[in-house]
């Protein structure tokens, strides 16, 4: 599968090859930006608050604005990976110190396992929509085997995506767009009232990739290639995906999609040649599960740097299959949203510390990197700010906790507030203040 491409070293101690250009990164992130459940996600884009549907224009503008803001954050988190050659969780050694970095690493492993299993569920549901006679369990196992193989040869897989899969995805998306614009009911009415909440939702979709950006950017030929690939590839794909989803939801029926998100697949399969082109999108979905399994693997290497990543890939691949077969992954989604919010303020702290305070210098990613307890303060405050300002609902008990906290401190969340931006801004400002306060003047010799 590697096709002669130099591959990722088997242990963390190996030198990462710099073989991915802007087209490789752009194709990878464009494929990650097209998600099967992104189509049903258009339901939350068009009516994020549940009582104030947006106009079609407002929804599309929110998609563009939210995608650009979110992908810019992902792109910035990718650059240190290119410069240092280290994956995301190892970069945190420079931010927190080696020992403290194990805490977010474990959190990331938990969420990546969940997302990996969730993607196998999505793939199996998509395949079942085409081949209804084949049991769900069979598709989970098939998808799991393919995902594991991609994870063992990650750089070869990215080149494979660029050369073949991306072209098929573009053709499929154009085919579906033409059909929906012609057949779907016209999108009329609505307001701009819930526009900030829609932007918040789109940003949240984008920044969920922050914890893994450096895992792939470390193999980029340049920081510019990594940043451009993330922002350009993912933004174009996500705007197209959510825009197409608006029409797909209209054809499937809002009530039906609310009851079962996978019902949005039906209009795709029902159209002429729909099964063929939707099958391409189902196959493409394996890059999402591949990205999650591979990032879980390199995250584990932060804990066990001398362990062969191929062993981890197989173990994680098997475990995600077991989870997808035995656990109700749909109920896991809200938890994943909660834990994902951990990483938005964290990487805002990293961005300020790396780019502003230390300007990319003296970034210690060694196994004995000293602990930096002060960096936990802006992370914690940014996390709190995220939940105080977000309008995205998750788990009832969790949302109720933050509602009570708002009331206790007399804070009123305004409709224009945004959780990802609120958390990132607070974390960034506090990091800057702490960094300036701790900075010692140079001693003249």
Protein backbone atom coordinates (compact mmCIF):
# COMPACT_ATOMS: atom_id res chain seq x y z
CA UNK A 1 0.00 0.00 0.00
CA UNK A 2 2.90 2.35 0.62
CA UNK A 3 3.79 2.42 -3.13
CA UNK A 4 7.42 3.10 -2.36
CA UNK A 5 6.59 6.08 -0.14
CA UNK A 6 8.83 6.52 2.88
CA UNK A 7 6.69 5.64 5.87
CA UNK A 8 6.22 6.89 9.41
CA UNK A 9 8.96 5.50 11.72
CA UNK A 10 7.86 2.55 13.81
CA UNK A 11 8.75 4.19 17.12
CA UNK A 12 8.60 7.76 18.36
CA UNK A 13 12.38 7.93 18.37
CA UNK A 14 12.64 7.64 14.57
CA UNK A 15 13.05 10.66 12.29
CA UNK A 16 9.71 11.56 10.60
CA UNK A 17 9.94 11.83 6.79
CA UNK A 18 8.84 15.16 5.28
CA UNK A 19 7.08 13.89 2.18
CA UNK A 20 3.61 15.49 2.18
CA UNK A 21 3.08 18.51 -0.06
CA UNK A 22 0.18 20.95 -0.10
CA UNK A 23 -1.86 18.70 -2.45
CA UNK A 24 -1.42 15.73 -0.10
CA UNK A 25 -2.50 17.77 2.92
CA UNK A 26 -5.31 19.45 0.98
CA UNK A 27 -6.68 16.11 -0.23
CA UNK A 28 -6.48 14.59 3.26
CA UNK A 29 -8.31 17.48 4.89
CA UNK A 30 -10.83 17.80 2.07
CA UNK A 31 -11.76 14.15 2.57
CA UNK A 32 -12.00 14.70 6.33
CA UNK A 33 -14.30 17.67 5.66
CA UNK A 34 -16.89 15.47 3.91
CA UNK A 35 -18.70 13.40 6.53
CA UNK A 36 -21.75 11.20 6.07
CA UNK A 37 -23.28 12.50 9.29
CA UNK A 38 -22.27 16.00 8.23
CA UNK A 39 -25.29 15.79 5.96
CA UNK A 40 -27.66 15.28 8.90
CA UNK A 41 -25.63 17.88 10.80
CA UNK A 42 -27.16 20.46 8.46
CA UNK A 43 -30.24 20.12 10.66
CA UNK A 44 -28.37 21.84 13.51
CA UNK A 45 -26.84 24.37 11.13
CA UNK A 46 -30.16 25.55 9.75
CA UNK A 47 -31.88 25.60 13.18
CA UNK A 48 -29.20 25.55 15.93
CA UNK A 49 -31.49 26.78 18.73
CA UNK A 50 -34.48 24.66 17.76
CA UNK A 51 -36.88 27.59 17.48
CA UNK A 52 -35.39 30.09 15.02
CA UNK A 53 -34.60 28.58 11.58
CA UNK A 54 -32.05 30.47 9.52
CA UNK A 55 -32.50 31.64 5.97
CA UNK A 56 -30.52 29.62 3.42
CA UNK A 57 -28.19 32.59 2.94
CA UNK A 58 -27.56 32.92 6.68
CA UNK A 59 -26.83 29.20 6.99
CA UNK A 60 -24.34 29.25 4.12
CA UNK A 61 -22.57 32.39 5.41
CA UNK A 62 -22.39 30.80 8.88
CA UNK A 63 -20.82 27.73 7.30
CA UNK A 64 -18.13 29.76 5.54
CA UNK A 65 -17.36 31.99 8.54
CA UNK A 66 -17.36 29.13 11.06
CA UNK A 67 -15.23 26.91 8.82
CA UNK A 68 -12.61 29.61 8.22
CA UNK A 69 -12.33 30.45 11.94
CA UNK A 70 -12.23 26.80 13.00
CA UNK A 71 -9.78 25.66 10.34
CA UNK A 72 -7.47 28.59 11.07
CA UNK A 73 -7.23 27.27 14.63
CA UNK A 74 -6.57 23.75 13.35
CA UNK A 75 -3.99 25.08 10.89
CA UNK A 76 -2.13 26.98 13.60
CA UNK A 77 -2.04 23.87 15.78
CA UNK A 78 -0.49 21.99 12.84
CA UNK A 79 2.51 24.31 12.36
CA UNK A 80 4.46 23.30 15.52
CA UNK A 81 4.16 19.69 14.36
CA UNK A 82 5.82 20.56 11.04
CA UNK A 83 8.62 22.52 12.71
CA UNK A 84 9.42 20.04 15.46
CA UNK A 85 8.52 16.80 13.69
CA UNK A 86 6.51 15.73 16.74
CA UNK A 87 2.88 14.53 16.96
CA UNK A 88 0.28 16.54 18.84
CA UNK A 89 0.43 14.88 22.25
CA UNK A 90 4.25 14.91 22.30
CA UNK A 91 4.13 18.66 21.56
CA UNK A 92 2.33 19.01 24.88
CA UNK A 93 5.54 18.01 26.65
CA UNK A 94 6.86 21.43 25.68
CA UNK A 95 3.73 23.11 27.00
CA UNK A 96 3.09 21.25 30.25
CA UNK A 97 6.18 19.10 30.75
CA UNK A 98 6.42 15.37 30.04
CA UNK A 99 4.56 14.05 33.08
CA UNK A 100 1.64 16.49 32.93
CA UNK A 101 1.28 15.85 29.18
CA UNK A 102 0.17 12.32 30.02
CA UNK A 103 -3.16 13.66 31.35
CA UNK A 104 -4.39 15.24 28.08
CA UNK A 105 -2.85 12.30 26.22
CA UNK A 106 -5.09 9.83 28.08
CA UNK A 107 -8.12 12.08 27.48
CA UNK A 108 -7.26 12.21 23.79
CA UNK A 109 -6.90 8.42 23.60
CA UNK A 110 -10.35 8.02 25.17
CA UNK A 111 -12.00 10.43 22.75
CA UNK A 112 -10.18 9.05 19.70
CA UNK A 113 -11.29 5.50 20.57
CA UNK A 114 -14.84 6.79 20.79
CA UNK A 115 -14.65 8.68 17.52
CA UNK A 116 -13.02 5.69 15.79
CA UNK A 117 -15.87 3.41 16.87
CA UNK A 118 -18.42 6.07 15.97
CA UNK A 119 -16.99 6.28 12.43
CA UNK A 120 -17.21 2.49 12.02
CA UNK A 121 -20.87 2.77 13.02
CA UNK A 122 -21.41 5.53 10.42
CA UNK A 123 -19.69 3.50 7.69
CA UNK A 124 -21.73 0.40 8.52
CA UNK A 125 -24.99 2.40 8.52
CA UNK A 126 -24.08 4.00 5.19
CA UNK A 127 -23.26 0.63 3.63
CA UNK A 128 -26.49 -0.84 5.02
CA UNK A 129 -28.43 1.94 3.27
CA UNK A 130 -27.05 0.59 -0.03
CA UNK A 131 -26.89 -3.14 0.73
CA UNK A 132 -29.71 -3.70 3.18
CA UNK A 133 -29.41 -7.49 3.13
CA UNK A 134 -25.86 -7.49 4.57
CA UNK A 135 -25.84 -7.34 8.40
CA UNK A 136 -24.50 -4.28 10.19
CA UNK A 137 -21.90 -6.38 12.01
CA UNK A 138 -20.31 -7.50 8.75
CA UNK A 139 -19.78 -3.92 7.60
CA UNK A 140 -18.29 -2.93 10.97
CA UNK A 141 -15.71 -5.71 10.69
CA UNK A 142 -14.91 -4.91 7.04
CA UNK A 143 -14.52 -1.22 7.84
CA UNK A 144 -12.38 -2.07 10.87
CA UNK A 145 -10.00 -4.22 8.82
CA UNK A 146 -9.64 -1.53 6.13
CA UNK A 147 -9.13 1.17 8.78
CA UNK A 148 -6.40 -0.84 10.47
CA UNK A 149 -4.60 -1.43 7.17
CA UNK A 150 -4.67 2.30 6.38
CA UNK A 151 -3.32 3.06 9.85
CA UNK A 152 -0.35 0.71 9.43
CA UNK A 153 0.71 2.53 6.22
CA UNK A 154 -0.46 6.11 6.97
CA UNK A 155 1.66 8.11 4.49
CA UNK A 156 0.95 5.65 1.69
CA UNK A 157 -2.74 5.90 2.58
CA UNK A 158 -2.71 9.70 2.29
CA UNK A 159 -1.12 9.47 -1.16
CA UNK A 160 -3.72 6.85 -2.13
CA UNK A 161 -6.50 9.21 -1.03
CA UNK A 162 -5.07 12.07 -3.08
CA UNK A 163 -4.59 10.08 -6.26
CA UNK A 164 -7.84 8.16 -6.40
CA UNK A 165 -10.45 8.69 -3.70
CA UNK A 166 -10.52 12.50 -3.78
CA UNK A 167 -11.37 12.55 -7.49
CA UNK A 168 -14.26 10.15 -6.94
CA UNK A 169 -15.54 12.24 -4.02
CA UNK A 170 -15.50 15.44 -6.09
CA UNK A 171 -17.46 13.76 -8.91
CA UNK A 172 -19.97 12.30 -6.42
CA UNK A 173 -20.50 15.64 -4.67
CA UNK A 174 -21.09 17.42 -8.00
CA UNK A 175 -23.57 14.72 -9.06
CA UNK A 176 -25.54 15.02 -5.82
CA UNK A 177 -25.47 18.82 -5.90
CA UNK A 178 -26.94 18.99 -9.40
CA UNK A 179 -29.69 16.53 -8.48
CA UNK A 180 -30.64 18.21 -5.18
CA UNK A 181 -30.71 21.71 -6.66
CA UNK A 182 -33.11 20.40 -9.28
CA UNK A 183 -35.30 18.12 -7.16
CA UNK A 184 -35.26 19.43 -3.58
CA UNK A 185 -38.00 21.80 -2.39
CA UNK A 186 -36.96 25.48 -2.44
CA UNK A 187 -35.40 26.77 0.78
CA UNK A 188 -37.41 29.85 1.75
CA UNK A 189 -38.17 31.80 4.92
CA UNK A 190 -36.15 32.02 8.10
CA UNK A 191 -34.23 34.74 9.95
CA UNK A 192 -30.66 35.67 10.94
CA UNK A 193 -31.46 35.49 14.67
CA UNK A 194 -29.60 32.26 15.37
CA UNK A 195 -26.62 33.13 13.13
CA UNK A 196 -24.06 33.29 16.03
CA UNK A 197 -25.20 29.89 17.30
CA UNK A 198 -24.85 28.43 13.81
CA UNK A 199 -21.30 29.80 13.55
CA UNK A 200 -20.58 28.27 16.98
CA UNK A 201 -21.77 24.89 15.72
CA UNK A 202 -19.63 25.02 12.57
CA UNK A 203 -16.54 26.11 14.52
CA UNK A 204 -17.09 23.18 16.89
CA UNK A 205 -17.18 20.78 13.91
CA UNK A 206 -13.90 22.17 12.61
CA UNK A 207 -11.89 22.46 15.83
CA UNK A 208 -12.69 18.88 16.79
CA UNK A 209 -9.67 18.06 14.59
CA UNK A 210 -7.25 20.23 16.58
CA UNK A 211 -5.88 17.33 18.72
CA UNK A 212 -4.66 15.45 15.65
CA UNK A 213 -3.52 18.17 13.22
CA UNK A 214 0.17 17.89 14.15
CA UNK A 215 0.06 14.09 13.79
CA UNK A 216 -0.10 14.58 10.02
CA UNK A 217 1.54 18.00 9.71
CA UNK A 218 4.79 16.61 11.14
CA UNK A 219 5.28 14.95 7.74
CA UNK A 220 4.67 18.13 5.71
CA UNK A 221 7.41 19.61 3.57
CA UNK A 222 6.67 23.05 5.00
CA UNK A 223 4.49 24.84 7.54
CA UNK A 224 2.81 26.68 4.67
CA UNK A 225 1.83 23.39 3.03
CA UNK A 226 0.33 22.13 6.30
CA UNK A 227 -1.60 25.33 7.06
CA UNK A 228 -2.85 25.83 3.50
CA UNK A 229 -3.88 22.20 3.17
CA UNK A 230 -5.90 22.33 6.39
CA UNK A 231 -7.65 25.66 5.81
CA UNK A 232 -8.20 25.30 2.06
CA UNK A 233 -9.06 21.61 1.86
CA UNK A 234 -11.25 21.33 4.94
CA UNK A 235 -13.12 24.63 4.44
CA UNK A 236 -14.11 23.90 0.83
CA UNK A 237 -15.23 20.37 1.70
CA UNK A 238 -17.16 21.28 4.83
CA UNK A 239 -19.02 24.14 3.12
CA UNK A 240 -19.98 21.79 0.28
CA UNK A 241 -20.97 19.01 2.70
CA UNK A 242 -23.19 21.14 4.94
CA UNK A 243 -24.68 23.01 1.98
CA UNK A 244 -25.63 19.71 0.35
CA UNK A 245 -26.93 18.51 3.69
CA UNK A 246 -29.46 21.36 3.87
CA UNK A 247 -31.16 20.02 0.75
CA UNK A 248 -30.79 16.37 1.77
CA UNK A 249 -32.52 17.06 5.10
CA UNK A 250 -35.33 18.86 3.27
CA UNK A 251 -35.87 15.83 1.02
CA UNK A 252 -35.64 13.26 3.82
CA UNK A 253 -37.91 15.32 6.09
CA UNK A 254 -36.82 17.27 9.16
CA UNK A 255 -38.86 15.17 11.59
CA UNK A 256 -37.45 11.94 10.14
CA UNK A 257 -33.84 13.15 10.40
CA UNK A 258 -34.44 14.36 13.97
CA UNK A 259 -35.62 10.87 14.89
CA UNK A 260 -32.85 9.05 13.00
CA UNK A 261 -29.85 10.92 11.62
CA UNK A 262 -29.00 8.11 9.20
CA UNK A 263 -32.35 8.56 7.42
CA UNK A 264 -30.67 11.43 5.56
CA UNK A 265 -28.86 8.75 3.51
CA UNK A 266 -32.09 7.73 1.74
CA UNK A 267 -32.33 10.66 -0.74
CA UNK A 268 -28.75 10.01 -1.86
CA UNK A 269 -29.29 6.31 -2.55
CA UNK A 270 -32.69 6.89 -4.20
CA UNK A 271 -31.49 9.13 -7.03
CA UNK A 272 -30.19 7.84 -10.39
CA UNK A 273 -26.73 6.25 -9.89
CA UNK A 274 -27.10 7.31 -6.26
CA UNK A 275 -26.02 3.96 -4.83
CA UNK A 276 -22.78 4.10 -6.85
CA UNK A 277 -21.82 7.63 -5.86
CA UNK A 278 -22.99 7.25 -2.27
CA UNK A 279 -20.87 4.09 -2.12
CA UNK A 280 -17.85 6.27 -2.95
CA UNK A 281 -18.68 8.53 0.01
CA UNK A 282 -19.08 5.49 2.28
CA UNK A 283 -15.68 4.18 1.20
CA UNK A 284 -14.22 7.65 1.73
CA UNK A 285 -15.53 7.67 5.30
CA UNK A 286 -12.78 5.20 6.18
CA UNK A 287 -10.31 8.10 6.12
CA UNK A 288 -12.12 9.49 9.17
CA UNK A 289 -11.80 6.22 11.08
CA UNK A 290 -8.20 5.90 9.83
CA UNK A 291 -7.34 9.39 11.11
CA UNK A 292 -8.78 8.59 14.53
CA UNK A 293 -7.06 5.21 14.87
CA UNK A 294 -3.71 6.57 13.65
CA UNK A 295 -3.88 9.52 16.07
CA UNK A 296 -4.72 7.16 18.91
CA UNK A 297 -1.62 5.19 17.96
CA UNK A 298 0.79 8.14 18.02
CA UNK A 299 -0.86 9.44 21.20
CA UNK A 300 -0.08 6.11 22.86
CA UNK A 301 3.52 6.53 21.75
CA UNK A 302 3.75 9.61 23.97
CA UNK A 303 3.29 7.18 26.86
CA UNK A 304 5.34 4.32 25.36
CA UNK A 305 7.74 5.90 22.83
CA UNK A 306 9.64 2.70 22.02
CA UNK A 307 6.52 0.67 21.20
CA UNK A 308 6.03 -0.36 17.55
CA UNK A 309 3.14 1.71 16.19
CA UNK A 310 1.97 -1.23 14.03
CA UNK A 311 1.20 -3.22 17.19
CA UNK A 312 -0.77 -0.26 18.54
CA UNK A 313 -2.63 0.12 15.22
CA UNK A 314 -3.80 -3.49 15.28
CA UNK A 315 -4.82 -3.35 18.94
CA UNK A 316 -6.70 -0.06 18.50
CA UNK A 317 -8.31 -1.31 15.29
CA UNK A 318 -9.64 -4.41 17.06
CA UNK A 319 -10.81 -2.39 20.06
CA UNK A 320 -12.76 0.12 17.94
CA UNK A 321 -14.50 -2.78 16.17
CA UNK A 322 -15.47 -4.30 19.53
CA UNK A 323 -16.81 -0.94 20.77
CA UNK A 324 -18.80 -0.38 17.56
CA UNK A 325 -20.32 -3.88 17.86
CA UNK A 326 -21.16 -3.84 21.57
CA UNK A 327 -21.72 -0.20 22.61
CA UNK A 328 -24.51 2.18 21.67
CA UNK A 329 -22.15 4.71 20.09
CA UNK A 330 -24.92 7.24 19.43
CA UNK A 331 -25.27 7.83 23.18
CA UNK A 332 -21.50 8.37 23.31
CA UNK A 333 -21.69 11.38 20.98
CA UNK A 334 -22.55 13.99 23.62
CA UNK A 335 -19.70 12.80 25.85
CA UNK A 336 -17.33 13.16 22.93
CA UNK A 337 -18.51 16.75 22.52
CA UNK A 338 -17.76 17.45 26.16
CA UNK A 339 -14.29 15.94 26.14
CA UNK A 340 -13.47 17.53 22.80
CA UNK A 341 -13.91 20.97 24.36
CA UNK A 342 -10.87 20.20 26.51
CA UNK A 343 -8.59 20.68 23.52
CA UNK A 344 -9.78 24.04 22.14
CA UNK A 345 -8.47 26.14 25.06
CA UNK A 346 -5.46 23.83 25.43
CA UNK A 347 -4.21 24.51 21.94
CA UNK A 348 -4.94 28.23 22.35
CA UNK A 349 -2.52 28.09 25.29
CA UNK A 350 -0.03 26.21 23.12
CA UNK A 351 -0.38 28.69 20.24
CA UNK A 352 0.35 31.75 22.42
CA UNK A 353 3.18 30.06 24.29
CA UNK A 354 4.75 28.64 21.11
CA UNK A 355 4.29 31.50 18.63
CA UNK A 356 4.29 34.59 20.88
CA UNK A 357 6.14 33.93 24.12
CA UNK A 358 8.82 31.53 22.94
CA UNK A 359 8.59 32.12 19.18
CA UNK A 360 9.13 28.46 18.43
CA UNK A 361 12.39 28.28 20.35
CA UNK A 362 13.34 26.15 23.38
CA UNK A 363 10.34 23.84 22.90
CA UNK A 364 11.38 20.87 24.98
CA UNK A 365 9.70 17.63 23.83
CA UNK A 366 12.13 15.31 25.61
CA UNK A 367 10.90 12.52 27.89
CA UNK A 368 12.30 14.42 30.89
CA UNK A 369 10.84 17.83 29.98
CA UNK A 370 10.24 19.67 33.31
CA UNK A 371 6.69 20.27 34.53
CA UNK A 372 5.16 23.70 33.86
CA UNK A 373 2.27 23.88 36.31
CA UNK A 374 1.50 27.53 35.50
CA UNK A 375 0.17 26.53 32.06
CA UNK A 376 -2.67 24.58 33.69
CA UNK A 377 -4.24 27.86 34.85
CA UNK A 378 -5.11 29.32 31.41
CA UNK A 379 -6.19 25.86 30.22
CA UNK A 380 -8.66 25.51 33.11
CA UNK A 381 -9.98 29.08 32.77
CA UNK A 382 -10.37 28.63 29.01
CA UNK A 383 -12.28 25.40 29.55
CA UNK A 384 -14.65 27.18 31.93
CA UNK A 385 -15.06 30.07 29.51
CA UNK A 386 -15.94 27.64 26.73
CA UNK A 387 -18.90 26.22 28.64
CA UNK A 388 -20.02 29.56 30.02
CA UNK A 389 -20.31 31.02 26.51
CA UNK A 390 -21.28 28.08 24.27
CA UNK A 391 -24.79 27.65 22.92
CA UNK A 392 -24.26 24.03 21.79
CA UNK A 393 -26.28 21.57 23.90
CA UNK A 394 -24.60 18.33 25.03
CA UNK A 395 -25.65 16.29 28.08
CA UNK A 396 -28.59 17.63 30.11
CA UNK A 397 -26.87 17.27 33.49
CA UNK A 398 -23.64 18.83 32.19
CA UNK A 399 -25.46 21.76 30.55
CA UNK A 400 -27.48 22.24 33.74
CA UNK A 401 -24.29 22.48 35.78
CA UNK A 402 -23.03 25.39 33.70
CA UNK A 403 -26.44 27.07 33.68
CA UNK A 404 -26.36 26.97 37.50
CA UNK A 405 -22.82 28.35 37.52
CA UNK A 406 -23.83 31.24 35.24
CA UNK A 407 -26.65 32.10 37.63
CA UNK A 408 -24.37 31.83 40.66
CA UNK A 409 -21.82 34.31 39.29
CA UNK A 410 -24.42 36.56 37.66
CA UNK A 411 -23.22 35.89 34.11
CA UNK A 412 -25.72 36.12 31.25
CA UNK A 413 -24.73 34.39 28.05
CA UNK A 414 -25.56 36.60 25.06
CA UNK A 415 -26.77 35.15 21.76
CA UNK A 416 -23.68 36.47 19.94
CA UNK A 417 -21.28 34.56 22.21
CA UNK A 418 -19.33 31.61 20.88
CA UNK A 419 -17.94 28.77 23.00
CA UNK A 420 -14.88 27.92 20.92
CA UNK A 421 -13.89 31.55 20.50
CA UNK A 422 -14.69 32.37 24.14
CA UNK A 423 -12.61 29.49 25.45
CA UNK A 424 -9.73 30.16 23.08
CA UNK A 425 -9.68 33.91 23.76
CA UNK A 426 -9.67 33.58 27.55
CA UNK A 427 -7.02 30.84 27.44
CA UNK A 428 -4.84 32.89 25.08
CA UNK A 429 -5.06 36.12 27.11
CA UNK A 430 -4.34 34.42 30.44
CA UNK A 431 -1.40 32.56 28.88
CA UNK A 432 0.02 35.84 27.62
CA UNK A 433 -0.36 37.52 31.01
CA UNK A 434 1.26 34.61 32.87
CA UNK A 435 4.05 34.37 30.34
CA UNK A 436 4.87 38.07 30.61
CA UNK A 437 4.70 37.96 34.41
CA UNK A 438 7.08 35.01 34.61
CA UNK A 439 9.52 36.35 32.06
CA UNK A 440 12.83 37.33 33.68
CA UNK A 441 14.91 40.20 32.30
CA UNK A 442 18.14 39.07 30.70
CA UNK A 443 21.21 39.25 32.96
CA UNK A 444 24.07 41.30 31.52
CA UNK A 445 27.36 39.43 31.45
